[in-house]
Amino acid sequence: MKGDTARRVPFSILGEPIEMSYRNKTYVIFDGDQDMWAYAYMKGWKEKDHIDFNFYDAHDLRPLRNWASDQTIFSRLRERMCNAKQAIVLIGPYTRTLRKFVPWEIELAKAKHLPIVAVNLNGNRGTDPDLCPASLRDYPAVHVCFKMKIIKHALDRFPDEFAANFRSWSSSWRIYNQQIYTQLGIYS
């Protein structure tokens, strides 16, 4: 069942069987004006029974109203981030230039030492210096393209890699090599 906290699905990466669980709340950071479509896609993947994609969305808690003050919004975002164990940053064409909520959310995720999956909406598999927010360039986030299988792979694997290596990793970004993308059936 999609909502079970202990759901485990057998999977193999490069011949190594792994189990995936969906216990971690995921905080999704995105440009609400320009990149809502990508967030909606992710929620759609999650809702489809025939698609093996799930994440516990920290934004499902206490919806915000359009008329909420900035103070209320910051308070609710902080509350949601406190419940998260990992974060996704959807990087679109204007993410780098945003000055209010998105940079604040990224800094809060970094302060909490959350594993961050940076998802390039333009298909780039690494960091995109023209679009990536400066605050993400000095943090060991993993950068992937906007494809369901690699996002799922990152959500399933990166938090453990991050926890095991955070203190020893230099403050530079991570990527998955072509072999991982090929194993996941992503060729372009």
N, C-alpha and C. Protein backbone atom coordinates (compact mmCIF):
# COMPACT_ATOMS: atom_id res chain seq x y z
N MET A 1 0.84 -1.17 0.00
CA MET A 1 0.00 0.00 0.00
C MET A 1 0.89 1.24 0.00
N LYS A 2 0.55 2.27 -0.76
CA LYS A 2 1.39 3.44 -0.95
C LYS A 2 1.74 4.17 0.34
N GLY A 3 0.87 4.23 1.31
CA GLY A 3 1.12 5.05 2.49
C GLY A 3 1.77 4.33 3.65
N ASP A 4 2.06 3.05 3.54
CA ASP A 4 2.64 2.30 4.65
C ASP A 4 4.04 2.80 4.96
N THR A 5 4.31 3.06 6.23
CA THR A 5 5.62 3.59 6.59
C THR A 5 6.72 2.54 6.52
N ALA A 6 6.39 1.28 6.57
CA ALA A 6 7.42 0.24 6.55
C ALA A 6 7.45 -0.50 5.21
N ARG A 7 6.87 0.06 4.20
CA ARG A 7 6.83 -0.60 2.89
C ARG A 7 8.24 -0.77 2.34
N ARG A 8 8.56 -1.97 1.93
CA ARG A 8 9.87 -2.24 1.34
C ARG A 8 9.67 -2.93 0.00
N VAL A 9 10.45 -2.49 -0.96
CA VAL A 9 10.33 -3.01 -2.31
C VAL A 9 11.70 -3.55 -2.73
N PRO A 10 11.79 -4.81 -3.15
CA PRO A 10 13.09 -5.32 -3.59
C PRO A 10 13.51 -4.63 -4.87
N PHE A 11 14.80 -4.32 -5.00
CA PHE A 11 15.31 -3.61 -6.16
C PHE A 11 16.78 -3.95 -6.30
N SER A 12 17.33 -3.84 -7.48
CA SER A 12 18.73 -4.15 -7.70
C SER A 12 19.39 -3.01 -8.45
N ILE A 13 20.53 -2.58 -7.95
CA ILE A 13 21.35 -1.60 -8.63
C ILE A 13 22.70 -2.24 -8.87
N LEU A 14 23.09 -2.30 -10.12
CA LEU A 14 24.37 -2.88 -10.51
C LEU A 14 24.55 -4.27 -9.91
N GLY A 15 23.47 -5.04 -9.91
CA GLY A 15 23.50 -6.41 -9.43
C GLY A 15 23.42 -6.56 -7.92
N GLU A 16 23.38 -5.45 -7.20
CA GLU A 16 23.32 -5.49 -5.74
C GLU A 16 21.88 -5.29 -5.29
N PRO A 17 21.26 -6.33 -4.66
CA PRO A 17 19.89 -6.15 -4.21
C PRO A 17 19.84 -5.16 -3.04
N ILE A 18 18.85 -4.30 -3.08
CA ILE A 18 18.65 -3.37 -1.99
C ILE A 18 17.16 -3.32 -1.66
N GLU A 19 16.85 -2.85 -0.49
CA GLU A 19 15.46 -2.62 -0.12
C GLU A 19 15.27 -1.13 0.06
N MET A 20 14.11 -0.66 -0.34
CA MET A 20 13.83 0.75 -0.22
C MET A 20 12.67 0.96 0.72
N SER A 21 12.74 1.95 1.53
CA SER A 21 11.62 2.27 2.40
C SER A 21 11.26 3.73 2.19
N TYR A 22 10.05 4.08 2.59
CA TYR A 22 9.55 5.43 2.38
C TYR A 22 9.16 6.02 3.72
N ARG A 23 10.05 5.93 4.68
CA ARG A 23 9.77 6.42 6.03
C ARG A 23 10.11 7.89 6.18
N ASN A 24 10.98 8.43 5.36
CA ASN A 24 11.48 9.78 5.57
C ASN A 24 10.58 10.83 4.94
N LYS A 25 10.23 11.83 5.73
CA LYS A 25 9.50 12.96 5.18
C LYS A 25 10.47 13.75 4.31
N THR A 26 9.99 14.13 3.16
CA THR A 26 10.80 14.86 2.19
C THR A 26 10.26 16.27 2.06
N TYR A 27 11.12 17.24 2.24
CA TYR A 27 10.76 18.64 2.08
C TYR A 27 11.15 19.04 0.66
N VAL A 28 10.20 19.53 -0.11
CA VAL A 28 10.46 19.92 -1.50
C VAL A 28 10.54 21.44 -1.57
N ILE A 29 11.67 21.93 -2.04
CA ILE A 29 11.92 23.36 -2.20
C ILE A 29 11.80 23.68 -3.69
N PHE A 30 10.97 24.67 -4.01
CA PHE A 30 10.78 25.00 -5.42
C PHE A 30 10.21 26.40 -5.57
N ASP A 31 10.34 26.93 -6.77
CA ASP A 31 9.76 28.22 -7.13
C ASP A 31 8.27 28.01 -7.36
N GLY A 32 7.46 28.47 -6.43
CA GLY A 32 6.02 28.26 -6.50
C GLY A 32 5.35 28.95 -7.68
N ASP A 33 6.00 29.93 -8.26
CA ASP A 33 5.42 30.63 -9.42
C ASP A 33 5.76 29.93 -10.73
N GLN A 34 6.99 29.45 -10.86
CA GLN A 34 7.45 28.91 -12.15
C GLN A 34 7.55 27.39 -12.21
N ASP A 35 7.78 26.74 -11.09
CA ASP A 35 8.10 25.30 -11.11
C ASP A 35 7.06 24.43 -10.42
N MET A 36 5.89 24.97 -10.20
CA MET A 36 4.81 24.19 -9.58
C MET A 36 4.47 22.96 -10.41
N TRP A 37 4.63 23.05 -11.72
CA TRP A 37 4.33 21.92 -12.61
C TRP A 37 5.17 20.69 -12.24
N ALA A 38 6.45 20.91 -11.91
CA ALA A 38 7.34 19.79 -11.59
C ALA A 38 6.93 19.15 -10.25
N TYR A 39 6.60 19.99 -9.30
CA TYR A 39 6.11 19.49 -8.01
C TYR A 39 4.82 18.70 -8.21
N ALA A 40 3.94 19.20 -9.07
CA ALA A 40 2.69 18.50 -9.37
C ALA A 40 2.96 17.14 -10.03
N TYR A 41 3.95 17.07 -10.92
CA TYR A 41 4.33 15.79 -11.53
C TYR A 41 4.76 14.80 -10.45
N MET A 42 5.60 15.25 -9.53
CA MET A 42 6.07 14.36 -8.48
C MET A 42 4.92 13.86 -7.62
N LYS A 43 3.99 14.73 -7.30
CA LYS A 43 2.82 14.30 -6.52
C LYS A 43 1.96 13.33 -7.34
N GLY A 44 1.88 13.55 -8.66
CA GLY A 44 1.14 12.65 -9.53
C GLY A 44 1.78 11.27 -9.59
N TRP A 45 3.13 11.22 -9.71
CA TRP A 45 3.82 9.94 -9.71
C TRP A 45 3.51 9.19 -8.42
N LYS A 46 3.50 9.91 -7.32
CA LYS A 46 3.26 9.32 -6.01
C LYS A 46 1.86 8.71 -5.91
N GLU A 47 0.89 9.34 -6.52
CA GLU A 47 -0.51 8.90 -6.40
C GLU A 47 -0.88 7.73 -7.31
N LYS A 48 -0.12 7.49 -8.35
CA LYS A 48 -0.44 6.41 -9.30
C LYS A 48 -0.03 5.06 -8.73
N ASP A 49 -0.99 4.15 -8.64
CA ASP A 49 -0.70 2.81 -8.10
C ASP A 49 0.25 2.02 -8.97
N HIS A 50 0.25 2.25 -10.27
CA HIS A 50 1.09 1.46 -11.17
C HIS A 50 2.50 2.04 -11.33
N ILE A 51 2.78 3.14 -10.64
CA ILE A 51 4.11 3.75 -10.69
C ILE A 51 4.76 3.58 -9.32
N ASP A 52 5.97 3.03 -9.30
CA ASP A 52 6.69 2.79 -8.06
C ASP A 52 7.50 4.03 -7.69
N PHE A 53 6.82 5.01 -7.14
CA PHE A 53 7.45 6.24 -6.69
C PHE A 53 6.68 6.74 -5.49
N ASN A 54 7.37 7.03 -4.42
CA ASN A 54 6.69 7.51 -3.24
C ASN A 54 7.64 8.38 -2.44
N PHE A 55 7.11 9.34 -1.77
CA PHE A 55 7.85 10.13 -0.81
C PHE A 55 6.84 10.71 0.16
N TYR A 56 7.25 10.89 1.40
CA TYR A 56 6.38 11.54 2.37
C TYR A 56 6.60 13.03 2.26
N ASP A 57 5.62 13.70 1.74
CA ASP A 57 5.71 15.10 1.41
C ASP A 57 5.47 15.95 2.65
N ALA A 58 6.49 16.66 3.10
CA ALA A 58 6.36 17.52 4.27
C ALA A 58 5.38 18.67 4.02
N HIS A 59 5.09 18.98 2.76
CA HIS A 59 4.15 20.06 2.45
C HIS A 59 2.70 19.64 2.62
N ASP A 60 2.45 18.36 2.87
CA ASP A 60 1.07 17.91 3.08
C ASP A 60 0.53 18.32 4.45
N LEU A 61 1.39 18.87 5.29
CA LEU A 61 0.98 19.28 6.63
C LEU A 61 0.38 20.68 6.60
N ARG A 62 -0.77 20.85 7.20
CA ARG A 62 -1.39 22.16 7.38
C ARG A 62 -1.19 23.09 6.19
N PRO A 63 -2.04 23.02 5.19
CA PRO A 63 -1.87 23.84 3.99
C PRO A 63 -1.85 25.34 4.31
N LEU A 64 -1.08 26.06 3.52
CA LEU A 64 -1.02 27.51 3.64
C LEU A 64 -2.08 28.15 2.76
N ARG A 65 -2.56 29.28 3.17
CA ARG A 65 -3.55 30.03 2.40
C ARG A 65 -2.84 31.12 1.59
N ASN A 66 -3.43 31.50 0.47
CA ASN A 66 -2.84 32.54 -0.37
C ASN A 66 -2.69 33.87 0.36
N TRP A 67 -3.51 34.12 1.34
CA TRP A 67 -3.49 35.40 2.05
C TRP A 67 -2.60 35.39 3.28
N ALA A 68 -1.88 34.31 3.52
CA ALA A 68 -1.02 34.22 4.70
C ALA A 68 0.10 35.25 4.63
N SER A 69 0.44 35.80 5.79
CA SER A 69 1.53 36.78 5.87
C SER A 69 2.87 36.07 5.69
N ASP A 70 3.91 36.84 5.33
CA ASP A 70 5.24 36.25 5.21
C ASP A 70 5.68 35.61 6.52
N GLN A 71 5.36 36.25 7.64
CA GLN A 71 5.73 35.69 8.94
C GLN A 71 5.08 34.32 9.15
N THR A 72 3.80 34.20 8.78
CA THR A 72 3.10 32.92 8.90
C THR A 72 3.72 31.88 7.97
N ILE A 73 4.04 32.30 6.76
CA ILE A 73 4.64 31.38 5.79
C ILE A 73 5.99 30.88 6.30
N PHE A 74 6.85 31.78 6.75
CA PHE A 74 8.15 31.36 7.28
C PHE A 74 7.98 30.40 8.47
N SER A 75 7.04 30.70 9.33
CA SER A 75 6.78 29.85 10.49
C SER A 75 6.34 28.45 10.08
N ARG A 76 5.41 28.38 9.13
CA ARG A 76 4.94 27.07 8.66
C ARG A 76 6.03 26.31 7.92
N LEU A 77 6.81 27.01 7.11
CA LEU A 77 7.89 26.34 6.38
C LEU A 77 8.91 25.76 7.37
N ARG A 78 9.22 26.51 8.40
CA ARG A 78 10.15 26.01 9.42
C ARG A 78 9.57 24.77 10.11
N GLU A 79 8.29 24.81 10.42
CA GLU A 79 7.61 23.67 11.05
C GLU A 79 7.70 22.45 10.14
N ARG A 80 7.43 22.64 8.88
CA ARG A 80 7.50 21.52 7.92
C ARG A 80 8.92 20.99 7.79
N MET A 81 9.89 21.89 7.73
CA MET A 81 11.28 21.48 7.60
C MET A 81 11.72 20.68 8.83
N CYS A 82 11.21 21.03 10.01
CA CYS A 82 11.58 20.31 11.23
C CYS A 82 11.12 18.86 11.18
N ASN A 83 10.08 18.57 10.42
CA ASN A 83 9.58 17.21 10.28
C ASN A 83 10.29 16.43 9.17
N ALA A 84 11.14 17.08 8.41
CA ALA A 84 11.77 16.45 7.24
C ALA A 84 13.08 15.77 7.61
N LYS A 85 13.39 14.72 6.86
CA LYS A 85 14.66 14.01 7.02
C LYS A 85 15.53 14.13 5.78
N GLN A 86 14.98 14.71 4.72
CA GLN A 86 15.72 14.94 3.48
C GLN A 86 15.00 16.04 2.72
N ALA A 87 15.69 16.63 1.75
CA ALA A 87 15.09 17.71 0.97
C ALA A 87 15.38 17.51 -0.51
N ILE A 88 14.46 17.99 -1.31
CA ILE A 88 14.64 18.07 -2.76
C ILE A 88 14.58 19.55 -3.11
N VAL A 89 15.49 20.00 -3.95
CA VAL A 89 15.41 21.34 -4.50
C VAL A 89 15.16 21.19 -6.00
N LEU A 90 14.00 21.66 -6.45
CA LEU A 90 13.70 21.66 -7.88
C LEU A 90 14.34 22.92 -8.47
N ILE A 91 15.29 22.72 -9.38
CA ILE A 91 16.05 23.84 -9.93
C ILE A 91 15.54 24.14 -11.34
N GLY A 92 14.84 25.24 -11.44
CA GLY A 92 14.29 25.70 -12.71
C GLY A 92 15.02 26.92 -13.22
N PRO A 93 14.47 27.56 -14.24
CA PRO A 93 15.17 28.67 -14.89
C PRO A 93 15.37 29.90 -14.01
N TYR A 94 14.58 30.07 -12.96
CA TYR A 94 14.69 31.27 -12.12
C TYR A 94 15.09 30.98 -10.68
N THR A 95 15.32 29.73 -10.35
CA THR A 95 15.62 29.36 -8.97
C THR A 95 16.82 30.14 -8.42
N ARG A 96 17.85 30.28 -9.23
CA ARG A 96 19.09 30.96 -8.80
C ARG A 96 18.84 32.42 -8.43
N THR A 97 17.86 33.04 -9.05
CA THR A 97 17.64 34.46 -8.84
C THR A 97 16.63 34.78 -7.74
N LEU A 98 16.02 33.76 -7.16
CA LEU A 98 15.02 34.00 -6.12
C LEU A 98 15.69 34.54 -4.86
N ARG A 99 14.99 35.41 -4.14
CA ARG A 99 15.60 36.08 -2.99
C ARG A 99 14.83 35.93 -1.69
N LYS A 100 13.71 35.22 -1.68
CA LYS A 100 12.91 35.20 -0.46
C LYS A 100 12.83 33.81 0.16
N PHE A 101 11.84 33.03 -0.22
CA PHE A 101 11.59 31.75 0.45
C PHE A 101 12.59 30.67 0.06
N VAL A 102 12.87 30.49 -1.22
CA VAL A 102 13.74 29.39 -1.66
C VAL A 102 15.14 29.49 -1.05
N PRO A 103 15.82 30.63 -1.11
CA PRO A 103 17.15 30.69 -0.47
C PRO A 103 17.09 30.43 1.04
N TRP A 104 16.06 30.93 1.69
CA TRP A 104 15.90 30.72 3.12
C TRP A 104 15.69 29.23 3.40
N GLU A 105 14.87 28.56 2.58
CA GLU A 105 14.63 27.12 2.77
C GLU A 105 15.91 26.31 2.56
N ILE A 106 16.69 26.68 1.55
CA ILE A 106 17.96 25.97 1.30
C ILE A 106 18.89 26.14 2.49
N GLU A 107 19.01 27.37 3.00
CA GLU A 107 19.88 27.61 4.15
C GLU A 107 19.40 26.85 5.39
N LEU A 108 18.10 26.76 5.58
CA LEU A 108 17.56 26.02 6.71
C LEU A 108 17.87 24.52 6.57
N ALA A 109 17.70 23.98 5.38
CA ALA A 109 18.03 22.57 5.13
C ALA A 109 19.51 22.31 5.40
N LYS A 110 20.36 23.22 4.96
CA LYS A 110 21.79 23.08 5.21
C LYS A 110 22.10 23.15 6.71
N ALA A 111 21.47 24.07 7.40
CA ALA A 111 21.70 24.21 8.85
C ALA A 111 21.28 22.95 9.60
N LYS A 112 20.25 22.28 9.11
CA LYS A 112 19.80 21.03 9.72
C LYS A 112 20.62 19.83 9.24
N HIS A 113 21.58 20.07 8.34
CA HIS A 113 22.41 19.01 7.75
C HIS A 113 21.56 17.93 7.09
N LEU A 114 20.55 18.37 6.35
CA LEU A 114 19.71 17.41 5.63
C LEU A 114 20.38 16.99 4.33
N PRO A 115 20.23 15.73 3.94
CA PRO A 115 20.67 15.35 2.61
C PRO A 115 19.77 16.05 1.59
N ILE A 116 20.39 16.66 0.58
CA ILE A 116 19.64 17.42 -0.42
C ILE A 116 19.83 16.78 -1.79
N VAL A 117 18.71 16.52 -2.45
CA VAL A 117 18.71 16.06 -3.84
C VAL A 117 18.35 17.27 -4.69
N ALA A 118 19.30 17.75 -5.47
CA ALA A 118 19.09 18.90 -6.35
C ALA A 118 18.64 18.37 -7.71
N VAL A 119 17.43 18.71 -8.11
CA VAL A 119 16.84 18.15 -9.33
C VAL A 119 16.79 19.24 -10.41
N ASN A 120 17.55 19.02 -11.46
CA ASN A 120 17.60 19.97 -12.57
C ASN A 120 16.42 19.75 -13.51
N LEU A 121 15.56 20.73 -13.62
CA LEU A 121 14.39 20.60 -14.48
C LEU A 121 14.74 20.69 -15.95
N ASN A 122 15.96 21.14 -16.27
CA ASN A 122 16.39 21.25 -17.66
C ASN A 122 17.04 19.97 -18.19
N GLY A 123 17.08 18.91 -17.38
CA GLY A 123 17.64 17.63 -17.82
C GLY A 123 19.11 17.44 -17.52
N ASN A 124 19.79 18.46 -17.01
CA ASN A 124 21.20 18.35 -16.68
C ASN A 124 21.39 17.36 -15.54
N ARG A 125 22.42 16.51 -15.65
CA ARG A 125 22.67 15.47 -14.64
C ARG A 125 23.68 15.90 -13.58
N GLY A 126 24.28 17.03 -13.74
CA GLY A 126 25.24 17.55 -12.77
C GLY A 126 24.81 18.92 -12.32
N THR A 127 25.71 19.61 -11.66
CA THR A 127 25.36 20.96 -11.26
C THR A 127 25.36 21.86 -12.48
N ASP A 128 24.40 22.74 -12.56
CA ASP A 128 24.29 23.68 -13.67
C ASP A 128 24.65 25.06 -13.14
N PRO A 129 25.87 25.55 -13.43
CA PRO A 129 26.31 26.81 -12.84
C PRO A 129 25.44 28.01 -13.23
N ASP A 130 24.73 27.90 -14.32
CA ASP A 130 23.86 29.00 -14.73
C ASP A 130 22.54 29.02 -13.98
N LEU A 131 22.13 27.89 -13.41
CA LEU A 131 20.83 27.81 -12.74
C LEU A 131 20.90 27.46 -11.26
N CYS A 132 21.94 26.78 -10.85
CA CYS A 132 22.04 26.32 -9.46
C CYS A 132 22.23 27.50 -8.51
N PRO A 133 21.42 27.56 -7.46
CA PRO A 133 21.62 28.62 -6.47
C PRO A 133 23.02 28.54 -5.85
N ALA A 134 23.63 29.68 -5.64
CA ALA A 134 24.99 29.72 -5.11
C ALA A 134 25.10 28.97 -3.79
N SER A 135 24.07 29.02 -2.97
CA SER A 135 24.12 28.37 -1.65
C SER A 135 24.17 26.85 -1.74
N LEU A 136 23.82 26.29 -2.88
CA LEU A 136 23.89 24.83 -3.05
C LEU A 136 25.25 24.39 -3.57
N ARG A 137 26.00 25.30 -4.15
CA ARG A 137 27.29 24.93 -4.75
C ARG A 137 28.33 24.54 -3.72
N ASP A 138 28.18 24.98 -2.48
CA ASP A 138 29.16 24.66 -1.45
C ASP A 138 28.64 23.62 -0.45
N TYR A 139 27.69 22.81 -0.91
CA TYR A 139 27.07 21.81 -0.03
C TYR A 139 27.07 20.47 -0.75
N PRO A 140 27.36 19.38 -0.05
CA PRO A 140 27.43 18.08 -0.72
C PRO A 140 26.07 17.47 -1.05
N ALA A 141 25.32 18.18 -1.89
CA ALA A 141 24.04 17.67 -2.41
C ALA A 141 24.33 16.78 -3.60
N VAL A 142 23.40 15.90 -3.92
CA VAL A 142 23.53 15.12 -5.14
C VAL A 142 22.65 15.80 -6.20
N HIS A 143 23.20 15.97 -7.40
CA HIS A 143 22.49 16.63 -8.50
C HIS A 143 22.06 15.58 -9.52
N VAL A 144 20.78 15.62 -9.88
CA VAL A 144 20.22 14.67 -10.84
C VAL A 144 19.31 15.42 -11.81
N CYS A 145 18.93 14.74 -12.87
CA CYS A 145 17.97 15.32 -13.81
C CYS A 145 16.54 15.01 -13.35
N PHE A 146 15.58 15.69 -13.94
CA PHE A 146 14.18 15.52 -13.57
C PHE A 146 13.60 14.29 -14.29
N LYS A 147 13.97 13.13 -13.78
CA LYS A 147 13.45 11.84 -14.24
C LYS A 147 13.07 11.05 -12.99
N MET A 148 11.89 10.48 -13.01
CA MET A 148 11.36 9.81 -11.84
C MET A 148 12.31 8.77 -11.26
N LYS A 149 12.89 7.92 -12.08
CA LYS A 149 13.69 6.82 -11.56
C LYS A 149 14.97 7.28 -10.87
N ILE A 150 15.61 8.31 -11.38
CA ILE A 150 16.84 8.78 -10.72
C ILE A 150 16.51 9.57 -9.45
N ILE A 151 15.39 10.28 -9.45
CA ILE A 151 14.96 10.97 -8.23
C ILE A 151 14.66 9.93 -7.15
N LYS A 152 13.95 8.89 -7.51
CA LYS A 152 13.62 7.80 -6.59
C LYS A 152 14.89 7.14 -6.06
N HIS A 153 15.82 6.87 -6.97
CA HIS A 153 17.10 6.27 -6.59
C HIS A 153 17.80 7.18 -5.57
N ALA A 154 17.84 8.47 -5.83
CA ALA A 154 18.51 9.40 -4.92
C ALA A 154 17.81 9.45 -3.56
N LEU A 155 16.48 9.49 -3.56
CA LEU A 155 15.76 9.52 -2.29
C LEU A 155 15.99 8.24 -1.48
N ASP A 156 16.12 7.12 -2.17
CA ASP A 156 16.31 5.83 -1.51
C ASP A 156 17.74 5.62 -1.02
N ARG A 157 18.72 6.15 -1.74
CA ARG A 157 20.12 5.84 -1.45
C ARG A 157 20.91 6.98 -0.82
N PHE A 158 20.68 8.19 -1.30
CA PHE A 158 21.54 9.30 -0.90
C PHE A 158 21.49 9.63 0.60
N PRO A 159 20.34 9.58 1.27
CA PRO A 159 20.36 9.90 2.71
C PRO A 159 21.34 9.04 3.52
N ASP A 160 21.41 7.75 3.23
CA ASP A 160 22.36 6.89 3.95
C ASP A 160 23.81 7.22 3.58
N GLU A 161 24.06 7.47 2.28
CA GLU A 161 25.41 7.85 1.84
C GLU A 161 25.82 9.17 2.50
N PHE A 162 24.88 10.09 2.54
CA PHE A 162 25.13 11.40 3.14
C PHE A 162 25.44 11.26 4.63
N ALA A 163 24.64 10.49 5.36
CA ALA A 163 24.84 10.31 6.80
C ALA A 163 26.20 9.67 7.08
N ALA A 164 26.60 8.73 6.25
CA ALA A 164 27.86 8.03 6.46
C ALA A 164 29.08 8.89 6.11
N ASN A 165 28.90 9.84 5.20
CA ASN A 165 30.06 10.57 4.66
C ASN A 165 30.05 12.07 4.88
N PHE A 166 29.01 12.63 5.44
CA PHE A 166 28.87 14.08 5.51
C PHE A 166 30.10 14.77 6.10
N ARG A 167 30.60 14.26 7.20
CA ARG A 167 31.72 14.91 7.88
C ARG A 167 33.02 14.83 7.08
N SER A 168 33.17 13.79 6.27
CA SER A 168 34.41 13.63 5.51
C SER A 168 34.34 14.20 4.09
N TRP A 169 33.13 14.38 3.58
CA TRP A 169 33.01 14.93 2.23
C TRP A 169 33.42 16.39 2.22
N SER A 170 34.09 16.76 1.15
CA SER A 170 34.34 18.19 0.97
C SER A 170 33.00 18.83 0.62
N SER A 171 32.95 20.11 0.71
CA SER A 171 31.68 20.78 0.44
C SER A 171 31.50 20.99 -1.07
N SER A 172 31.41 19.88 -1.77
CA SER A 172 31.14 19.95 -3.21
C SER A 172 30.02 18.98 -3.55
N TRP A 173 29.40 19.20 -4.65
CA TRP A 173 28.24 18.43 -5.05
C TRP A 173 28.62 17.03 -5.53
N ARG A 174 27.62 16.19 -5.59
CA ARG A 174 27.75 14.80 -6.03
C ARG A 174 26.90 14.58 -7.26
N ILE A 175 27.27 13.59 -8.05
CA ILE A 175 26.46 13.18 -9.20
C ILE A 175 26.47 11.66 -9.27
N TYR A 176 25.50 11.11 -9.99
CA TYR A 176 25.51 9.68 -10.28
C TYR A 176 26.09 9.49 -11.67
N ASN A 177 26.91 8.46 -11.83
CA ASN A 177 27.56 8.24 -13.11
C ASN A 177 26.60 7.61 -14.13
N GLN A 178 27.06 7.55 -15.37
CA GLN A 178 26.24 7.03 -16.46
C GLN A 178 25.78 5.59 -16.19
N GLN A 179 26.59 4.81 -15.51
CA GLN A 179 26.25 3.42 -15.23
C GLN A 179 24.96 3.33 -14.40
N ILE A 180 24.80 4.21 -13.43
CA ILE A 180 23.58 4.22 -12.62
C ILE A 180 22.38 4.59 -13.48
N TYR A 181 22.53 5.64 -14.29
CA TYR A 181 21.43 6.05 -15.17
C TYR A 181 21.04 4.91 -16.12
N THR A 182 22.03 4.23 -16.68
CA THR A 182 21.76 3.12 -17.60
C THR A 182 21.05 1.99 -16.86
N GLN A 183 21.52 1.65 -15.66
CA GLN A 183 20.89 0.60 -14.87
C GLN A 183 19.42 0.92 -14.59
N LEU A 184 19.12 2.21 -14.46
CA LEU A 184 17.75 2.65 -14.20
C LEU A 184 16.93 2.80 -15.47
N GLY A 185 17.56 2.57 -16.62
CA GLY A 185 16.85 2.68 -17.90
C GLY A 185 16.72 4.10 -18.41
N ILE A 186 17.61 4.98 -17.97
CA ILE A 186 17.60 6.38 -18.43
C ILE A 186 18.79 6.55 -19.37
N TYR A 187 18.50 6.77 -20.63
CA TYR A 187 19.56 6.84 -21.62
C TYR A 187 19.81 8.23 -22.16
N SER A 188 18.87 9.11 -22.05
CA SER A 188 19.09 10.46 -22.59
C SER A 188 18.85 11.52 -21.54
